[in-house]
Amino acid sequence: MSWFSDNLLKDLPQIDLTAIAGVAVLTNVLAPDHEVEFFALRQAHMHEVMWGGRPDKPEESYDPDVPISPRRSFEKWIETRYSNSKPWDRNTRIKLMKLRLLLNEI
């Protein structure tokens, strides 16, 4: 079995805060005398998401009879996310599965 995550805090919210944000787990890797589990870990990677319009910017209205009006500015707003690692791409997943096969052959 294998399991991959690039946001460990989201997938396992019960764990304590850690510098590890991504994990790849290979289980049931057989060794001659016992079962082995293989863990590959990744640190958090700062990720920026660009939005059109700042969500916490107050809406503007100059007419007291109209309390709500659209925002005048939809300037670019960048949200910085810290809890994700770089994603586990397809090639890395394939290489880890090949590693599992090689370990099972030992």
PDB file of N, CA and C in Angstrom:
ATOM      1  N   MET A   1       0.839  -1.175   0.000  1.00  0.00           N
ATOM      2  CA  MET A   1       0.000   0.000   0.000  1.00  0.00           C
ATOM      3  C   MET A   1       0.885   1.239   0.000  1.00  0.00           C
ATOM      4  N   SER A   2       0.390   2.324  -0.588  1.00  0.00           N
ATOM      5  CA  SER A   2       1.109   3.589  -0.569  1.00  0.00           C
ATOM      6  C   SER A   2       0.123   4.722  -0.285  1.00  0.00           C
ATOM      7  N   TRP A   3       0.655   5.787   0.296  1.00  0.00           N
ATOM      8  CA  TRP A   3      -0.171   6.945   0.641  1.00  0.00           C
ATOM      9  C   TRP A   3       0.678   8.189   0.463  1.00  0.00           C
ATOM     10  N   PHE A   4       0.121   9.204  -0.184  1.00  0.00           N
ATOM     11  CA  PHE A   4       0.833  10.446  -0.455  1.00  0.00           C
ATOM     12  C   PHE A   4       0.014  11.631   0.050  1.00  0.00           C
ATOM     13  N   SER A   5       0.694  12.615   0.598  1.00  0.00           N
ATOM     14  CA  SER A   5       0.030  13.841   1.025  1.00  0.00           C
ATOM     15  C   SER A   5       0.984  15.013   0.833  1.00  0.00           C
ATOM     16  N   ASP A   6       0.455  16.130   0.334  1.00  0.00           N
ATOM     17  CA  ASP A   6       1.269  17.340   0.268  1.00  0.00           C
ATOM     18  C   ASP A   6       0.735  18.400   1.226  1.00  0.00           C
ATOM     19  N   ASN A   7      -0.235  18.015   2.070  1.00  0.00           N
ATOM     20  CA  ASN A   7      -0.742  18.898   3.117  1.00  0.00           C
ATOM     21  C   ASN A   7      -1.082  18.033   4.331  1.00  0.00           C
ATOM     22  N   LEU A   8      -0.059  17.683   5.085  1.00  0.00           N
ATOM     23  CA  LEU A   8      -0.200  16.756   6.205  1.00  0.00           C
ATOM     24  C   LEU A   8      -1.151  17.287   7.272  1.00  0.00           C
ATOM     25  N   LEU A   9      -1.101  18.595   7.555  1.00  0.00           N
ATOM     26  CA  LEU A   9      -1.979  19.164   8.583  1.00  0.00           C
ATOM     27  C   LEU A   9      -3.453  19.083   8.192  1.00  0.00           C
ATOM     28  N   LYS A  10      -3.747  19.165   6.905  1.00  0.00           N
ATOM     29  CA  LYS A  10      -5.140  19.036   6.445  1.00  0.00           C
ATOM     30  C   LYS A  10      -5.587  17.575   6.491  1.00  0.00           C
ATOM     31  N   ASP A  11      -4.708  16.677   6.038  1.00  0.00           N
ATOM     32  CA  ASP A  11      -5.076  15.260   5.968  1.00  0.00           C
ATOM     33  C   ASP A  11      -5.091  14.567   7.326  1.00  0.00           C
ATOM     34  N   LEU A  12      -4.250  15.040   8.253  1.00  0.00           N
ATOM     35  CA  LEU A  12      -4.196  14.470   9.606  1.00  0.00           C
ATOM     36  C   LEU A  12      -4.226  15.610  10.629  1.00  0.00           C
ATOM     37  N   PRO A  13      -5.375  16.246  10.828  1.00  0.00           N
ATOM     38  CA  PRO A  13      -5.430  17.424  11.703  1.00  0.00           C
ATOM     39  C   PRO A  13      -5.125  17.130  13.166  1.00  0.00           C
ATOM     40  N   GLN A  14      -5.153  15.871  13.571  1.00  0.00           N
ATOM     41  CA  GLN A  14      -4.896  15.528  14.973  1.00  0.00           C
ATOM     42  C   GLN A  14      -3.412  15.553  15.329  1.00  0.00           C
ATOM     43  N   ILE A  15      -2.520  15.645  14.337  1.00  0.00           N
ATOM     44  CA  ILE A  15      -1.091  15.669  14.652  1.00  0.00           C
ATOM     45  C   ILE A  15      -0.670  17.063  15.100  1.00  0.00           C
ATOM     46  N   ASP A  16       0.431  17.120  15.818  1.00  0.00           N
ATOM     47  CA  ASP A  16       0.965  18.404  16.263  1.00  0.00           C
ATOM     48  C   ASP A  16       1.595  19.143  15.090  1.00  0.00           C
ATOM     49  N   LEU A  17       1.682  20.466  15.232  1.00  0.00           N
ATOM     50  CA  LEU A  17       2.318  21.290  14.222  1.00  0.00           C
ATOM     51  C   LEU A  17       3.766  20.862  14.054  1.00  0.00           C
ATOM     52  N   THR A  18       4.204  20.704  12.816  1.00  0.00           N
ATOM     53  CA  THR A  18       5.537  20.210  12.525  1.00  0.00           C
ATOM     54  C   THR A  18       6.086  20.901  11.283  1.00  0.00           C
ATOM     55  N   ALA A  19       7.385  20.825  11.088  1.00  0.00           N
ATOM     56  CA  ALA A  19       8.004  21.387   9.886  1.00  0.00           C
ATOM     57  C   ALA A  19       7.733  20.502   8.670  1.00  0.00           C
ATOM     58  N   ILE A  20       7.296  19.268   8.907  1.00  0.00           N
ATOM     59  CA  ILE A  20       7.003  18.339   7.814  1.00  0.00           C
ATOM     60  C   ILE A  20       5.612  18.653   7.275  1.00  0.00           C
ATOM     61  N   ALA A  21       5.533  18.902   5.981  1.00  0.00           N
ATOM     62  CA  ALA A  21       4.244  19.226   5.364  1.00  0.00           C
ATOM     63  C   ALA A  21       3.797  18.169   4.373  1.00  0.00           C
ATOM     64  N   GLY A  22       4.737  17.384   3.853  1.00  0.00           N
ATOM     65  CA  GLY A  22       4.394  16.363   2.877  1.00  0.00           C
ATOM     66  C   GLY A  22       5.005  15.028   3.258  1.00  0.00           C
ATOM     67  N   VAL A  23       4.288  13.958   2.940  1.00  0.00           N
ATOM     68  CA  VAL A  23       4.787  12.623   3.264  1.00  0.00           C
ATOM     69  C   VAL A  23       4.330  11.639   2.191  1.00  0.00           C
ATOM     70  N   ALA A  24       5.231  10.716   1.892  1.00  0.00           N
ATOM     71  CA  ALA A  24       4.911   9.568   1.038  1.00  0.00           C
ATOM     72  C   ALA A  24       5.215   8.340   1.879  1.00  0.00           C
ATOM     73  N   VAL A  25       4.245   7.444   1.990  1.00  0.00           N
ATOM     74  CA  VAL A  25       4.401   6.256   2.830  1.00  0.00           C
ATOM     75  C   VAL A  25       4.229   5.016   1.959  1.00  0.00           C
ATOM     76  N   LEU A  26       5.190   4.110   2.066  1.00  0.00           N
ATOM     77  CA  LEU A  26       5.085   2.802   1.424  1.00  0.00           C
ATOM     78  C   LEU A  26       5.017   1.782   2.543  1.00  0.00           C
ATOM     79  N   THR A  27       3.955   1.019   2.609  1.00  0.00           N
ATOM     80  CA  THR A  27       3.811   0.003   3.645  1.00  0.00           C
ATOM     81  C   THR A  27       3.836  -1.385   3.019  1.00  0.00           C
ATOM     82  N   ASN A  28       3.940  -2.374   3.886  1.00  0.00           N
ATOM     83  CA  ASN A  28       4.001  -3.774   3.472  1.00  0.00           C
ATOM     84  C   ASN A  28       5.187  -4.054   2.566  1.00  0.00           C
ATOM     85  N   VAL A  29       6.270  -3.337   2.804  1.00  0.00           N
ATOM     86  CA  VAL A  29       7.517  -3.641   2.107  1.00  0.00           C
ATOM     87  C   VAL A  29       8.160  -4.772   2.887  1.00  0.00           C
ATOM     88  N   LEU A  30       8.283  -5.903   2.277  1.00  0.00           N
ATOM     89  CA  LEU A  30       8.754  -7.085   2.980  1.00  0.00           C
ATOM     90  C   LEU A  30      10.272  -7.151   3.016  1.00  0.00           C
ATOM     91  N   ALA A  31      10.797  -7.502   4.158  1.00  0.00           N
ATOM     92  CA  ALA A  31      12.219  -7.794   4.340  1.00  0.00           C
ATOM     93  C   ALA A  31      12.295  -9.258   4.757  1.00  0.00           C
ATOM     94  N   PRO A  32      13.486  -9.868   4.762  1.00  0.00           N
ATOM     95  CA  PRO A  32      13.572 -11.296   5.070  1.00  0.00           C
ATOM     96  C   PRO A  32      12.942 -11.695   6.406  1.00  0.00           C
ATOM     97  N   ASP A  33      13.082 -10.874   7.444  1.00  0.00           N
ATOM     98  CA  ASP A  33      12.605 -11.280   8.761  1.00  0.00           C
ATOM     99  C   ASP A  33      11.435 -10.458   9.307  1.00  0.00           C
ATOM    100  N   HIS A  34      11.111  -9.339   8.673  1.00  0.00           N
ATOM    101  CA  HIS A  34      10.064  -8.486   9.228  1.00  0.00           C
ATOM    102  C   HIS A  34       9.492  -7.554   8.159  1.00  0.00           C
ATOM    103  N   GLU A  35       8.432  -6.874   8.519  1.00  0.00           N
ATOM    104  CA  GLU A  35       7.791  -5.921   7.625  1.00  0.00           C
ATOM    105  C   GLU A  35       8.441  -4.551   7.802  1.00  0.00           C
ATOM    106  N   VAL A  36       8.575  -3.817   6.708  1.00  0.00           N
ATOM    107  CA  VAL A  36       9.232  -2.517   6.732  1.00  0.00           C
ATOM    108  C   VAL A  36       8.270  -1.472   6.178  1.00  0.00           C
ATOM    109  N   GLU A  37       8.282  -0.293   6.768  1.00  0.00           N
ATOM    110  CA  GLU A  37       7.547   0.843   6.218  1.00  0.00           C
ATOM    111  C   GLU A  37       8.550   1.904   5.824  1.00  0.00           C
ATOM    112  N   PHE A  38       8.361   2.493   4.653  1.00  0.00           N
ATOM    113  CA  PHE A  38       9.270   3.506   4.130  1.00  0.00           C
ATOM    114  C   PHE A  38       8.547   4.847   4.108  1.00  0.00           C
ATOM    115  N   PHE A  39       9.187   5.881   4.661  1.00  0.00           N
ATOM    116  CA  PHE A  39       8.607   7.223   4.703  1.00  0.00           C
ATOM    117  C   PHE A  39       9.531   8.196   3.972  1.00  0.00           C
ATOM    118  N   ALA A  40       8.993   8.969   3.055  1.00  0.00           N
ATOM    119  CA  ALA A  40       9.715  10.079   2.421  1.00  0.00           C
ATOM    120  C   ALA A  40       9.005  11.356   2.886  1.00  0.00           C
ATOM    121  N   LEU A  41       9.773  12.309   3.391  1.00  0.00           N
ATOM    122  CA  LEU A  41       9.195  13.508   3.979  1.00  0.00           C
ATOM    123  C   LEU A  41       9.605  14.749   3.200  1.00  0.00           C
ATOM    124  N   ARG A  42       8.731  15.744   3.189  1.00  0.00           N
ATOM    125  CA  ARG A  42       9.024  17.024   2.553  1.00  0.00           C
ATOM    126  C   ARG A  42       8.678  18.150   3.511  1.00  0.00           C
ATOM    127  N   GLN A  43       9.531  19.177   3.500  1.00  0.00           N
ATOM    128  CA  GLN A  43       9.261  20.354   4.310  1.00  0.00           C
ATOM    129  C   GLN A  43       8.226  21.232   3.617  1.00  0.00           C
ATOM    130  N   ALA A  44       7.679  22.167   4.390  1.00  0.00           N
ATOM    131  CA  ALA A  44       6.704  23.102   3.836  1.00  0.00           C
ATOM    132  C   ALA A  44       7.349  23.952   2.751  1.00  0.00           C
ATOM    133  N   HIS A  45       6.567  24.289   1.774  1.00  0.00           N
ATOM    134  CA  HIS A  45       7.009  25.101   0.649  1.00  0.00           C
ATOM    135  C   HIS A  45       6.075  26.300   0.553  1.00  0.00           C
ATOM    136  N   MET A  46       6.640  27.507   0.602  1.00  0.00           N
ATOM    137  CA  MET A  46       5.804  28.697   0.496  1.00  0.00           C
ATOM    138  C   MET A  46       5.163  28.724  -0.889  1.00  0.00           C
ATOM    139  N   HIS A  47       3.860  28.877  -0.907  1.00  0.00           N
ATOM    140  CA  HIS A  47       3.094  28.838  -2.145  1.00  0.00           C
ATOM    141  C   HIS A  47       2.240  30.093  -2.199  1.00  0.00           C
ATOM    142  N   GLU A  48       2.277  30.793  -3.313  1.00  0.00           N
ATOM    143  CA  GLU A  48       1.486  32.017  -3.459  1.00  0.00           C
ATOM    144  C   GLU A  48       0.331  31.778  -4.417  1.00  0.00           C
ATOM    145  N   VAL A  49      -0.858  32.240  -4.006  1.00  0.00           N
ATOM    146  CA  VAL A  49      -2.049  32.157  -4.837  1.00  0.00           C
ATOM    147  C   VAL A  49      -2.481  33.581  -5.141  1.00  0.00           C
ATOM    148  N   MET A  50      -2.649  33.892  -6.427  1.00  0.00           N
ATOM    149  CA  MET A  50      -3.033  35.241  -6.828  1.00  0.00           C
ATOM    150  C   MET A  50      -4.534  35.326  -7.029  1.00  0.00           C
ATOM    151  N   TRP A  51      -5.141  36.342  -6.443  1.00  0.00           N
ATOM    152  CA  TRP A  51      -6.577  36.565  -6.510  1.00  0.00           C
ATOM    153  C   TRP A  51      -6.840  37.926  -7.144  1.00  0.00           C
ATOM    154  N   GLY A  52      -8.008  38.109  -7.702  1.00  0.00           N
ATOM    155  CA  GLY A  52      -8.448  39.403  -8.207  1.00  0.00           C
ATOM    156  C   GLY A  52      -9.356  40.035  -7.181  1.00  0.00           C
ATOM    157  N   GLY A  53      -8.874  41.019  -6.447  1.00  0.00           N
ATOM    158  CA  GLY A  53      -9.681  41.688  -5.423  1.00  0.00           C
ATOM    159  C   GLY A  53      -9.373  41.160  -4.041  1.00  0.00           C
ATOM    160  N   ARG A  54      -9.083  42.052  -3.154  1.00  0.00           N
ATOM    161  CA  ARG A  54      -8.742  41.692  -1.779  1.00  0.00           C
ATOM    162  C   ARG A  54     -10.025  41.361  -1.015  1.00  0.00           C
ATOM    163  N   PRO A  55     -10.134  40.172  -0.411  1.00  0.00           N
ATOM    164  CA  PRO A  55     -11.397  39.773   0.225  1.00  0.00           C
ATOM    165  C   PRO A  55     -11.746  40.563   1.478  1.00  0.00           C
ATOM    166  N   ASP A  56     -10.770  41.120   2.167  1.00  0.00           N
ATOM    167  CA  ASP A  56     -11.085  41.855   3.394  1.00  0.00           C
ATOM    168  C   ASP A  56     -11.190  43.362   3.179  1.00  0.00           C
ATOM    169  N   LYS A  57     -11.131  43.796   1.922  1.00  0.00           N
ATOM    170  CA  LYS A  57     -11.268  45.222   1.628  1.00  0.00           C
ATOM    171  C   LYS A  57     -12.741  45.599   1.780  1.00  0.00           C
ATOM    172  N   PRO A  58     -13.032  46.681   2.519  1.00  0.00           N
ATOM    173  CA  PRO A  58     -14.439  47.049   2.711  1.00  0.00           C
ATOM    174  C   PRO A  58     -15.075  47.521   1.409  1.00  0.00           C
ATOM    175  N   GLU A  59     -16.349  47.239   1.288  1.00  0.00           N
ATOM    176  CA  GLU A  59     -17.087  47.715   0.123  1.00  0.00           C
ATOM    177  C   GLU A  59     -17.337  49.207   0.293  1.00  0.00           C
ATOM    178  N   GLU A  60     -17.293  49.926  -0.819  1.00  0.00           N
ATOM    179  CA  GLU A  60     -17.400  51.369  -0.765  1.00  0.00           C
ATOM    180  C   GLU A  60     -18.769  51.817  -1.234  1.00  0.00           C
ATOM    181  N   SER A  61     -19.330  52.806  -0.539  1.00  0.00           N
ATOM    182  CA  SER A  61     -20.603  53.395  -0.928  1.00  0.00           C
ATOM    183  C   SER A  61     -20.601  54.854  -0.504  1.00  0.00           C
ATOM    184  N   TYR A  62     -20.965  55.684  -1.432  1.00  0.00           N
ATOM    185  CA  TYR A  62     -21.062  57.114  -1.121  1.00  0.00           C
ATOM    186  C   TYR A  62     -22.521  57.553  -0.994  1.00  0.00           C
ATOM    187  N   ASP A  63     -23.441  56.677  -1.252  1.00  0.00           N
ATOM    188  CA  ASP A  63     -24.864  56.972  -1.156  1.00  0.00           C
ATOM    189  C   ASP A  63     -25.402  56.379   0.144  1.00  0.00           C
ATOM    190  N   PRO A  64     -25.894  57.194   1.079  1.00  0.00           N
ATOM    191  CA  PRO A  64     -26.392  56.645   2.346  1.00  0.00           C
ATOM    192  C   PRO A  64     -27.626  55.755   2.189  1.00  0.00           C
ATOM    193  N   ASP A  65     -28.351  55.896   1.071  1.00  0.00           N
ATOM    194  CA  ASP A  65     -29.524  55.047   0.839  1.00  0.00           C
ATOM    195  C   ASP A  65     -29.142  53.669   0.297  1.00  0.00           C
ATOM    196  N   VAL A  66     -27.930  53.544  -0.207  1.00  0.00           N
ATOM    197  CA  VAL A  66     -27.451  52.255  -0.738  1.00  0.00           C
ATOM    198  C   VAL A  66     -26.255  51.834   0.113  1.00  0.00           C
ATOM    199  N   PRO A  67     -26.481  50.971   1.131  1.00  0.00           N
ATOM    200  CA  PRO A  67     -25.403  50.631   2.053  1.00  0.00           C
ATOM    201  C   PRO A  67     -24.327  49.717   1.456  1.00  0.00           C
ATOM    202  N   ILE A  68     -24.640  49.053   0.352  1.00  0.00           N
ATOM    203  CA  ILE A  68     -23.687  48.113  -0.230  1.00  0.00           C
ATOM    204  C   ILE A  68     -23.427  48.513  -1.677  1.00  0.00           C
ATOM    205  N   SER A  69     -22.169  48.525  -2.047  1.00  0.00           N
ATOM    206  CA  SER A  69     -21.813  48.773  -3.441  1.00  0.00           C
ATOM    207  C   SER A  69     -20.608  47.900  -3.787  1.00  0.00           C
ATOM    208  N   PRO A  70     -20.403  47.646  -5.059  1.00  0.00           N
ATOM    209  CA  PRO A  70     -19.252  46.822  -5.429  1.00  0.00           C
ATOM    210  C   PRO A  70     -17.937  47.530  -5.108  1.00  0.00           C
ATOM    211  N   ARG A  71     -16.914  46.741  -4.921  1.00  0.00           N
ATOM    212  CA  ARG A  71     -15.589  47.316  -4.699  1.00  0.00           C
ATOM    213  C   ARG A  71     -15.150  48.048  -5.953  1.00  0.00           C
ATOM    214  N   ARG A  72     -14.497  49.185  -5.764  1.00  0.00           N
ATOM    215  CA  ARG A  72     -13.983  49.925  -6.901  1.00  0.00           C
ATOM    216  C   ARG A  72     -12.748  49.243  -7.483  1.00  0.00           C
ATOM    217  N   SER A  73     -11.951  48.641  -6.626  1.00  0.00           N
ATOM    218  CA  SER A  73     -10.680  48.097  -7.077  1.00  0.00           C
ATOM    219  C   SER A  73     -10.683  46.573  -7.010  1.00  0.00           C
ATOM    220  N   PHE A  74     -10.274  45.981  -8.105  1.00  0.00           N
ATOM    221  CA  PHE A  74     -10.056  44.530  -8.120  1.00  0.00           C
ATOM    222  C   PHE A  74      -8.569  44.276  -8.358  1.00  0.00           C
ATOM    223  N   GLU A  75      -7.743  45.017  -7.603  1.00  0.00           N
ATOM    224  CA  GLU A  75      -6.304  44.867  -7.732  1.00  0.00           C
ATOM    225  C   GLU A  75      -5.880  43.458  -7.328  1.00  0.00           C
ATOM    226  N   LYS A  76      -4.738  43.054  -7.851  1.00  0.00           N
ATOM    227  CA  LYS A  76      -4.233  41.716  -7.552  1.00  0.00           C
ATOM    228  C   LYS A  76      -3.914  41.606  -6.061  1.00  0.00           C
ATOM    229  N   TRP A  77      -4.353  40.511  -5.458  1.00  0.00           N
ATOM    230  CA  TRP A  77      -4.077  40.233  -4.056  1.00  0.00           C
ATOM    231  C   TRP A  77      -3.414  38.865  -3.987  1.00  0.00           C
ATOM    232  N   ILE A  78      -2.312  38.769  -3.274  1.00  0.00           N
ATOM    233  CA  ILE A  78      -1.564  37.515  -3.192  1.00  0.00           C
ATOM    234  C   ILE A  78      -1.707  36.920  -1.795  1.00  0.00           C
ATOM    235  N   GLU A  79      -2.219  35.694  -1.750  1.00  0.00           N
ATOM    236  CA  GLU A  79      -2.329  34.950  -0.494  1.00  0.00           C
ATOM    237  C   GLU A  79      -1.130  34.011  -0.406  1.00  0.00           C
ATOM    238  N   THR A  80      -0.457  34.019   0.735  1.00  0.00           N
ATOM    239  CA  THR A  80       0.696  33.147   0.936  1.00  0.00           C
ATOM    240  C   THR A  80       0.282  31.982   1.814  1.00  0.00           C
ATOM    241  N   ARG A  81       0.529  30.766   1.310  1.00  0.00           N
ATOM    242  CA  ARG A  81       0.193  29.551   2.053  1.00  0.00           C
ATOM    243  C   ARG A  81       1.483  28.856   2.444  1.00  0.00           C
ATOM    244  N   TYR A  82       1.545  28.406   3.696  1.00  0.00           N
ATOM    245  CA  TYR A  82       2.764  27.811   4.228  1.00  0.00           C
ATOM    246  C   TYR A  82       2.624  26.337   4.583  1.00  0.00           C
ATOM    247  N   SER A  83       1.425  25.786   4.614  1.00  0.00           N
ATOM    248  CA  SER A  83       1.241  24.445   5.166  1.00  0.00           C
ATOM    249  C   SER A  83       1.377  23.314   4.144  1.00  0.00           C
ATOM    250  N   ASN A  84       1.625  23.636   2.890  1.00  0.00           N
ATOM    251  CA  ASN A  84       1.750  22.591   1.870  1.00  0.00           C
ATOM    252  C   ASN A  84       3.211  22.353   1.509  1.00  0.00           C
ATOM    253  N   SER A  85       3.491  21.138   1.079  1.00  0.00           N
ATOM    254  CA  SER A  85       4.793  20.861   0.478  1.00  0.00           C
ATOM    255  C   SER A  85       4.611  20.950  -1.032  1.00  0.00           C
ATOM    256  N   LYS A  86       5.692  20.792  -1.757  1.00  0.00           N
ATOM    257  CA  LYS A  86       5.552  20.675  -3.204  1.00  0.00           C
ATOM    258  C   LYS A  86       4.775  19.391  -3.472  1.00  0.00           C
ATOM    259  N   PRO A  87       3.923  19.381  -4.474  1.00  0.00           N
ATOM    260  CA  PRO A  87       3.130  18.174  -4.743  1.00  0.00           C
ATOM    261  C   PRO A  87       4.008  16.995  -5.162  1.00  0.00           C
ATOM    262  N   TRP A  88       3.530  15.793  -4.870  1.00  0.00           N
ATOM    263  CA  TRP A  88       4.206  14.569  -5.313  1.00  0.00           C
ATOM    264  C   TRP A  88       3.758  14.336  -6.754  1.00  0.00           C
ATOM    265  N   ASP A  89       4.649  14.590  -7.693  1.00  0.00           N
ATOM    266  CA  ASP A  89       4.263  14.437  -9.095  1.00  0.00           C
ATOM    267  C   ASP A  89       4.211  12.963  -9.498  1.00  0.00           C
ATOM    268  N   ARG A  90       3.682  12.734 -10.656  1.00  0.00           N
ATOM    269  CA  ARG A  90       3.465  11.362 -11.143  1.00  0.00           C
ATOM    270  C   ARG A  90       4.779  10.580 -11.236  1.00  0.00           C
ATOM    271  N   ASN A  91       5.834  11.226 -11.734  1.00  0.00           N
ATOM    272  CA  ASN A  91       7.123  10.526 -11.876  1.00  0.00           C
ATOM    273  C   ASN A  91       7.682  10.106 -10.520  1.00  0.00           C
ATOM    274  N   THR A  92       7.565  10.955  -9.523  1.00  0.00           N
ATOM    275  CA  THR A  92       8.056  10.614  -8.189  1.00  0.00           C
ATOM    276  C   THR A  92       7.260   9.454  -7.615  1.00  0.00           C
ATOM    277  N   ARG A  93       5.957   9.470  -7.800  1.00  0.00           N
ATOM    278  CA  ARG A  93       5.119   8.367  -7.319  1.00  0.00           C
ATOM    279  C   ARG A  93       5.517   7.047  -7.983  1.00  0.00           C
ATOM    280  N   ILE A  94       5.766   7.097  -9.285  1.00  0.00           N
ATOM    281  CA  ILE A  94       6.166   5.883 -10.003  1.00  0.00           C
ATOM    282  C   ILE A  94       7.507   5.375  -9.478  1.00  0.00           C
ATOM    283  N   LYS A  95       8.459   6.282  -9.258  1.00  0.00           N
ATOM    284  CA  LYS A  95       9.769   5.878  -8.738  1.00  0.00           C
ATOM    285  C   LYS A  95       9.654   5.262  -7.348  1.00  0.00           C
ATOM    286  N   LEU A  96       8.792   5.819  -6.502  1.00  0.00           N
ATOM    287  CA  LEU A  96       8.601   5.251  -5.167  1.00  0.00           C
ATOM    288  C   LEU A  96       7.960   3.865  -5.244  1.00  0.00           C
ATOM    289  N   MET A  97       7.036   3.679  -6.171  1.00  0.00           N
ATOM    290  CA  MET A  97       6.423   2.359  -6.325  1.00  0.00           C
ATOM    291  C   MET A  97       7.445   1.344  -6.857  1.00  0.00           C
ATOM    292  N   LYS A  98       8.344   1.794  -7.737  1.00  0.00           N
ATOM    293  CA  LYS A  98       9.413   0.904  -8.214  1.00  0.00           C
ATOM    294  C   LYS A  98      10.360   0.562  -7.063  1.00  0.00           C
ATOM    295  N   LEU A  99      10.641   1.533  -6.208  1.00  0.00           N
ATOM    296  CA  LEU A  99      11.456   1.259  -5.032  1.00  0.00           C
ATOM    297  C   LEU A  99      10.803   0.192  -4.160  1.00  0.00           C
ATOM    298  N   ARG A 100       9.520   0.299  -3.998  1.00  0.00           N
ATOM    299  CA  ARG A 100       8.785  -0.709  -3.207  1.00  0.00           C
ATOM    300  C   ARG A 100       8.927  -2.096  -3.825  1.00  0.00           C
ATOM    301  N   LEU A 101       8.806  -2.186  -5.138  1.00  0.00           N
ATOM    302  CA  LEU A 101       8.971  -3.476  -5.817  1.00  0.00           C
ATOM    303  C   LEU A 101      10.392  -4.014  -5.614  1.00  0.00           C
ATOM    304  N   LEU A 102      11.392  -3.137  -5.737  1.00  0.00           N
ATOM    305  CA  LEU A 102      12.771  -3.582  -5.539  1.00  0.00           C
ATOM    306  C   LEU A 102      13.014  -4.070  -4.111  1.00  0.00           C
ATOM    307  N   LEU A 103      12.464  -3.354  -3.134  1.00  0.00           N
ATOM    308  CA  LEU A 103      12.618  -3.781  -1.737  1.00  0.00           C
ATOM    309  C   LEU A 103      11.930  -5.105  -1.476  1.00  0.00           C
ATOM    310  N   ASN A 104      10.827  -5.362  -2.143  1.00  0.00           N
ATOM    311  CA  ASN A 104      10.123  -6.639  -1.977  1.00  0.00           C
ATOM    312  C   ASN A 104      10.898  -7.809  -2.576  1.00  0.00           C
ATOM    313  N   GLU A 105      11.773  -7.505  -3.551  1.00  0.00           N
ATOM    314  CA  GLU A 105      12.568  -8.568  -4.178  1.00  0.00           C
ATOM    315  C   GLU A 105      13.773  -8.979  -3.341  1.00  0.00           C
ATOM    316  N   ILE A 106      14.161  -8.144  -2.379  1.00  0.00           N
ATOM    317  CA  ILE A 106      15.348  -8.439  -1.558  1.00  0.00           C
ATOM    318  C   ILE A 106      15.100  -9.669  -0.699  1.00  0.00           C
TER     319      ILE A 106
END
